[in-house]
Amino acid sequence: MNEMTQAKVTIKLAFVGTIPYGSPEMLRLYNTQLRRNLELLKWVKIVDKYYNPRTAKDVDPSLPYVKIWFGMETALNVYSEKYLMCVNSISKVVRKDTAYEIFMKARTDSTRMKANLRTLIQERIAKKIILTEYNNKFYRICDVDFEKNPTSTFERTKKDGTKEELTYIDYFKDQYGRE
C-alpha cells in the first residue's frame, strides 16, 4: 500500500541470475546491508560516516555544551581474492547548546557590547551546522528570518497531496510531538 496515495502496489520479482563471489554488485549489497544495520542500531549518518550519539562524552566539565561523538568509517573491498572490510574509529566534536541559548547569549552580549543584536545572531548561527535534539539530525542554517516567529504560518503539502496552512508551533507538535 502506497502511504501517500493509499493505492495498492504490486511488486513482481524475476530471477535473473546469481551474483558471483567478488562481483562489484556483491560489494554494493554488503555495503547496503552494513548501512542498514548501523541505522537499525540508531547510529547517525553524517556525510558517509556513522556516529553513535548514545556514547557521546563531555569534553570538559567547564565546557558543558561540547561533546565528542564516537563513530566509525567503513570500507569494503576485495583484496587478494577475499573480502576485506576496513573499519576506522572516528570522532566528531558536537556543540549541544540550543539555538535559543545562542540567541539569549547574543542578546546579553549585544547589551554589554552595545552591538547590533541581529548582526550578532547572524554571526553566531547563520551558515553553521546544527544538531537537532528531537531527531538527532544535522542541518545547515542558511539564514535567519527576523520577520518570522513561532506563530507565523507556512504552506505544507500533506501525504494525500492537499495543501494546508500551518504554524511552526503546530508543525513541531504534529511532526515531533514537541512544543
Foldseek 3Di string as FASTA:
>chain_A
DQPLAPDDDDDDDDDDDDDDQQHPVVQVVVVVVVVVVLVVVVWDDDPQWTWDPVPWDDPDPVQRQKIKTKTWHWDWHADPSHIDIDIDIDIDIAGRDDLVVQLVVLVVVCVVVVHDSQVSSCVPQAQDWHADPLRRDIDHHHGDDPVDDQQDWDWDQDSNRDIDIDGNVRCCCVPRVDD
